[in-house]
């Protein structure tokens, strides 16, 4: 996707095709983990210790907050992946 957006030719060499794969795996697993845990923590903070179900708006706010906060960690990992794909290091 990134190579196409940058006008780079499509490579079939596995050494070139899979550059950045480890950073991609790290980024995706970290993102899912942070969002899962973060959403739970934000939901608990919204409930303030009460044992109740969240409204749809509260669920949406917790998920949005968690996704927003995970971007601060996953954004730099995404940048590393793109740099590995472009430069091979």
C-alpha atoms as a PDB file:
ATOM      1  CA  UNK A   1       0.000   0.000   0.000  1.00  0.00           C
ATOM      2  CA  UNK A   2       2.699   2.461   0.996  1.00  0.00           C
ATOM      3  CA  UNK A   3       4.841   1.644  -2.027  1.00  0.00           C
ATOM      4  CA  UNK A   4       1.865   2.204  -4.309  1.00  0.00           C
ATOM      5  CA  UNK A   5       1.080   5.558  -2.690  1.00  0.00           C
ATOM      6  CA  UNK A   6       4.695   6.651  -3.094  1.00  0.00           C
ATOM      7  CA  UNK A   7       4.911   5.567  -6.722  1.00  0.00           C
ATOM      8  CA  UNK A   8       7.505   2.854  -6.013  1.00  0.00           C
ATOM      9  CA  UNK A   9       7.595  -0.267  -8.212  1.00  0.00           C
ATOM     10  CA  UNK A  10       6.048  -3.495  -6.940  1.00  0.00           C
ATOM     11  CA  UNK A  11       8.726  -5.956  -5.834  1.00  0.00           C
ATOM     12  CA  UNK A  12       8.433  -9.745  -5.827  1.00  0.00           C
ATOM     13  CA  UNK A  13      11.758 -10.322  -4.073  1.00  0.00           C
ATOM     14  CA  UNK A  14      10.872 -11.648  -0.587  1.00  0.00           C
ATOM     15  CA  UNK A  15      13.759  -9.734   1.010  1.00  0.00           C
ATOM     16  CA  UNK A  16      12.227  -6.506  -0.251  1.00  0.00           C
ATOM     17  CA  UNK A  17       8.564  -7.519  -0.031  1.00  0.00           C
ATOM     18  CA  UNK A  18       8.719  -8.388   3.697  1.00  0.00           C
ATOM     19  CA  UNK A  19      10.785  -5.430   4.894  1.00  0.00           C
ATOM     20  CA  UNK A  20       9.034  -3.874   7.862  1.00  0.00           C
ATOM     21  CA  UNK A  21       7.043  -7.037   8.609  1.00  0.00           C
ATOM     22  CA  UNK A  22       8.312  -7.325  12.190  1.00  0.00           C
ATOM     23  CA  UNK A  23       7.444  -3.678  12.898  1.00  0.00           C
ATOM     24  CA  UNK A  24       3.997  -4.281  11.385  1.00  0.00           C
ATOM     25  CA  UNK A  25       3.411  -7.279  13.684  1.00  0.00           C
ATOM     26  CA  UNK A  26       4.632  -5.282  16.675  1.00  0.00           C
ATOM     27  CA  UNK A  27       2.404  -2.347  15.744  1.00  0.00           C
ATOM     28  CA  UNK A  28      -0.740  -4.434  15.262  1.00  0.00           C
ATOM     29  CA  UNK A  29      -0.307  -6.515  18.414  1.00  0.00           C
ATOM     30  CA  UNK A  30       0.527  -3.461  20.521  1.00  0.00           C
ATOM     31  CA  UNK A  31      -2.399  -1.530  19.094  1.00  0.00           C
ATOM     32  CA  UNK A  32      -4.923  -4.290  19.823  1.00  0.00           C
ATOM     33  CA  UNK A  33      -3.540  -4.867  23.318  1.00  0.00           C
ATOM     34  CA  UNK A  34      -3.525  -1.178  24.252  1.00  0.00           C
ATOM     35  CA  UNK A  35      -7.011  -0.595  22.881  1.00  0.00           C
ATOM     36  CA  UNK A  36      -8.443  -3.642  24.636  1.00  0.00           C
ATOM     37  CA  UNK A  37      -6.897  -2.813  28.004  1.00  0.00           C
ATOM     38  CA  UNK A  38      -7.408   0.933  27.590  1.00  0.00           C
ATOM     39  CA  UNK A  39     -11.087   0.578  26.794  1.00  0.00           C
ATOM     40  CA  UNK A  40     -11.597  -1.498  29.936  1.00  0.00           C
ATOM     41  CA  UNK A  41      -9.775   1.042  32.093  1.00  0.00           C
ATOM     42  CA  UNK A  42     -11.722   3.973  30.651  1.00  0.00           C
ATOM     43  CA  UNK A  43     -15.002   2.097  31.116  1.00  0.00           C
ATOM     44  CA  UNK A  44     -14.148   1.506  34.783  1.00  0.00           C
ATOM     45  CA  UNK A  45     -13.282   5.178  35.193  1.00  0.00           C
ATOM     46  CA  UNK A  46     -16.610   6.196  33.644  1.00  0.00           C
ATOM     47  CA  UNK A  47     -18.561   3.919  36.018  1.00  0.00           C
ATOM     48  CA  UNK A  48     -16.707   5.256  39.077  1.00  0.00           C
ATOM     49  CA  UNK A  49     -16.895   1.866  40.785  1.00  0.00           C
ATOM     50  CA  UNK A  50     -20.629   1.404  40.220  1.00  0.00           C
ATOM     51  CA  UNK A  51     -21.826  -1.973  38.970  1.00  0.00           C
ATOM     52  CA  UNK A  52     -23.883  -0.912  35.960  1.00  0.00           C
ATOM     53  CA  UNK A  53     -23.965  -1.217  32.200  1.00  0.00           C
ATOM     54  CA  UNK A  54     -22.571   1.647  30.162  1.00  0.00           C
ATOM     55  CA  UNK A  55     -24.767   3.555  27.765  1.00  0.00           C
ATOM     56  CA  UNK A  56     -23.956   3.364  24.068  1.00  0.00           C
ATOM     57  CA  UNK A  57     -22.484   6.880  24.223  1.00  0.00           C
ATOM     58  CA  UNK A  58     -20.258   5.891  27.145  1.00  0.00           C
ATOM     59  CA  UNK A  59     -19.081   2.768  25.324  1.00  0.00           C
ATOM     60  CA  UNK A  60     -18.301   4.844  22.254  1.00  0.00           C
ATOM     61  CA  UNK A  61     -16.433   7.442  24.325  1.00  0.00           C
ATOM     62  CA  UNK A  62     -14.354   4.726  26.020  1.00  0.00           C
ATOM     63  CA  UNK A  63     -13.448   3.101  22.705  1.00  0.00           C
ATOM     64  CA  UNK A  64     -12.623   6.446  21.088  1.00  0.00           C
ATOM     65  CA  UNK A  65     -10.465   7.493  24.049  1.00  0.00           C
ATOM     66  CA  UNK A  66      -8.571   4.225  24.024  1.00  0.00           C
ATOM     67  CA  UNK A  67      -7.941   4.415  20.277  1.00  0.00           C
ATOM     68  CA  UNK A  68      -6.786   8.002  20.574  1.00  0.00           C
ATOM     69  CA  UNK A  69      -4.354   7.210  23.391  1.00  0.00           C
ATOM     70  CA  UNK A  70      -2.925   4.137  21.640  1.00  0.00           C
ATOM     71  CA  UNK A  71      -1.971   6.341  18.702  1.00  0.00           C
ATOM     72  CA  UNK A  72       0.763   7.991  20.750  1.00  0.00           C
ATOM     73  CA  UNK A  73       2.559   4.650  21.029  1.00  0.00           C
ATOM     74  CA  UNK A  74       1.562   3.026  17.748  1.00  0.00           C
ATOM     75  CA  UNK A  75       2.215   6.078  15.554  1.00  0.00           C
ATOM     76  CA  UNK A  76       6.007   5.963  15.970  1.00  0.00           C
ATOM     77  CA  UNK A  77       5.995   2.187  15.385  1.00  0.00           C
ATOM     78  CA  UNK A  78       4.052   2.762  12.145  1.00  0.00           C
ATOM     79  CA  UNK A  79       6.658   5.330  11.105  1.00  0.00           C
ATOM     80  CA  UNK A  80       9.454   2.816  11.762  1.00  0.00           C
ATOM     81  CA  UNK A  81       7.638   0.239   9.633  1.00  0.00           C
ATOM     82  CA  UNK A  82       7.267   2.656   6.725  1.00  0.00           C
ATOM     83  CA  UNK A  83      10.921   3.666   6.960  1.00  0.00           C
ATOM     84  CA  UNK A  84      11.981   0.012   6.960  1.00  0.00           C
ATOM     85  CA  UNK A  85       9.879  -0.634   3.878  1.00  0.00           C
ATOM     86  CA  UNK A  86      11.280   2.360   2.021  1.00  0.00           C
ATOM     87  CA  UNK A  87      14.932   2.191   3.037  1.00  0.00           C
ATOM     88  CA  UNK A  88      15.431  -1.447   3.949  1.00  0.00           C
ATOM     89  CA  UNK A  89      16.904  -0.804   7.390  1.00  0.00           C
END
